[in-house]
Protein backbone atom coordinates (compact mmCIF):
# COMPACT_ATOMS: atom_id res chain seq x y z
CA UNK A 1 8.44 -12.50 -12.27
CA UNK A 2 10.52 -10.02 -14.16
CA UNK A 3 12.83 -12.76 -15.46
CA UNK A 4 9.78 -14.65 -16.75
CA UNK A 5 8.54 -11.58 -18.61
CA UNK A 6 5.49 -11.08 -16.38
CA UNK A 7 4.30 -7.53 -15.86
CA UNK A 8 4.11 -6.20 -12.33
CA UNK A 9 0.79 -4.39 -11.97
CA UNK A 10 -1.44 -2.93 -9.27
CA UNK A 11 -2.75 -6.35 -8.21
CA UNK A 12 0.78 -7.65 -7.72
CA UNK A 13 1.75 -4.64 -5.63
CA UNK A 14 -1.43 -4.90 -3.52
CA UNK A 15 -0.73 -8.58 -2.86
CA UNK A 16 2.85 -7.87 -1.84
CA UNK A 17 1.72 -5.14 0.56
CA UNK A 18 -0.91 -7.41 2.09
CA UNK A 19 1.76 -10.04 2.68
CA UNK A 20 4.15 -7.46 4.18
CA UNK A 21 1.40 -6.38 6.58
CA UNK A 22 0.60 -9.96 7.57
CA UNK A 23 4.20 -10.66 8.58
CA UNK A 24 4.84 -7.15 9.93
CA UNK A 25 7.69 -6.34 7.55
CA UNK A 26 7.34 -2.57 7.26
CA UNK A 27 10.81 -2.12 5.75
CA UNK A 28 9.99 -4.36 2.77
CA UNK A 29 6.58 -2.67 2.41
CA UNK A 30 8.21 0.76 2.38
CA UNK A 31 10.73 -0.36 -0.22
CA UNK A 32 7.99 -1.69 -2.53
CA UNK A 33 5.97 1.47 -1.93
CA UNK A 34 8.86 3.70 -2.92
CA UNK A 35 10.15 1.62 -5.80
CA UNK A 36 6.83 1.00 -7.55
CA UNK A 37 4.36 3.67 -6.40
CA UNK A 38 6.40 6.76 -5.60
CA UNK A 39 8.46 6.32 -8.76
CA UNK A 40 5.33 5.97 -10.91
CA UNK A 41 6.04 2.43 -12.14
CA UNK A 42 2.55 1.44 -10.95
CA UNK A 43 -0.45 3.76 -10.92
CA UNK A 44 -1.75 4.86 -7.52
CA UNK A 45 -5.48 4.40 -6.83
CA UNK A 46 -7.87 4.25 -3.88
CA UNK A 47 -7.51 0.47 -3.57
CA UNK A 48 -3.71 0.64 -3.33
CA UNK A 49 -4.01 3.54 -0.89
CA UNK A 50 -6.25 1.42 1.33
CA UNK A 51 -3.90 -1.55 1.10
CA UNK A 52 -0.92 0.65 1.97
CA UNK A 53 -2.76 2.16 4.93
CA UNK A 54 -3.68 -1.32 6.12
CA UNK A 55 -0.09 -2.56 5.77
CA UNK A 56 1.33 0.39 7.70
CA UNK A 57 -1.30 0.03 10.43
CA UNK A 58 -0.62 -3.70 10.81
CA UNK A 59 3.08 -2.89 11.11
CA UNK A 60 2.28 -0.39 13.93
CA UNK A 61 3.32 2.57 11.78
CA UNK A 62 0.17 4.61 12.35
CA UNK A 63 1.66 7.92 11.22
CA UNK A 64 2.42 6.39 7.82
CA UNK A 65 -1.06 4.83 7.68
CA UNK A 66 -2.66 8.21 8.33
CA UNK A 67 -0.39 9.82 5.74
CA UNK A 68 -1.58 7.28 3.12
CA UNK A 69 -5.19 8.14 3.92
CA UNK A 70 -4.54 11.87 3.65
CA UNK A 71 -2.72 11.51 0.31
CA UNK A 72 -5.53 9.58 -1.38
CA UNK A 73 -6.97 11.73 -4.17
CA UNK A 74 -10.32 9.93 -3.78
CA UNK A 75 -11.65 8.05 -0.73
CA UNK A 76 -14.26 5.31 -0.88
CA UNK A 77 -16.23 3.77 1.99
CA UNK A 78 -13.44 1.30 2.81
CA UNK A 79 -10.88 4.10 3.04
CA UNK A 80 -13.10 6.03 5.47
CA UNK A 81 -13.41 2.92 7.65
CA UNK A 82 -9.61 2.69 7.85
CA UNK A 83 -9.43 6.38 8.77
CA UNK A 84 -11.60 5.71 11.82
CA UNK A 85 -9.21 2.96 12.93
CA UNK A 86 -6.04 5.02 12.65
């Protein structure tokens, strides 16, 4: 995508995290999380927080899923549903 000049945005990152959760690849999900979100390359929001929590939970990393929930600056109804699961 980068070679084609396409911008990597929040939707791209959410899609990548959903895919990482589906295949259970927590290492790749953590790398994307650190490289794009922790570094500030992509803006963090409640949707990405929910997607991250979902990815970590699907990868059986419940401590990380709970951490994502707790770090959300704003929680919507979907985020509260995930909190009940983890």
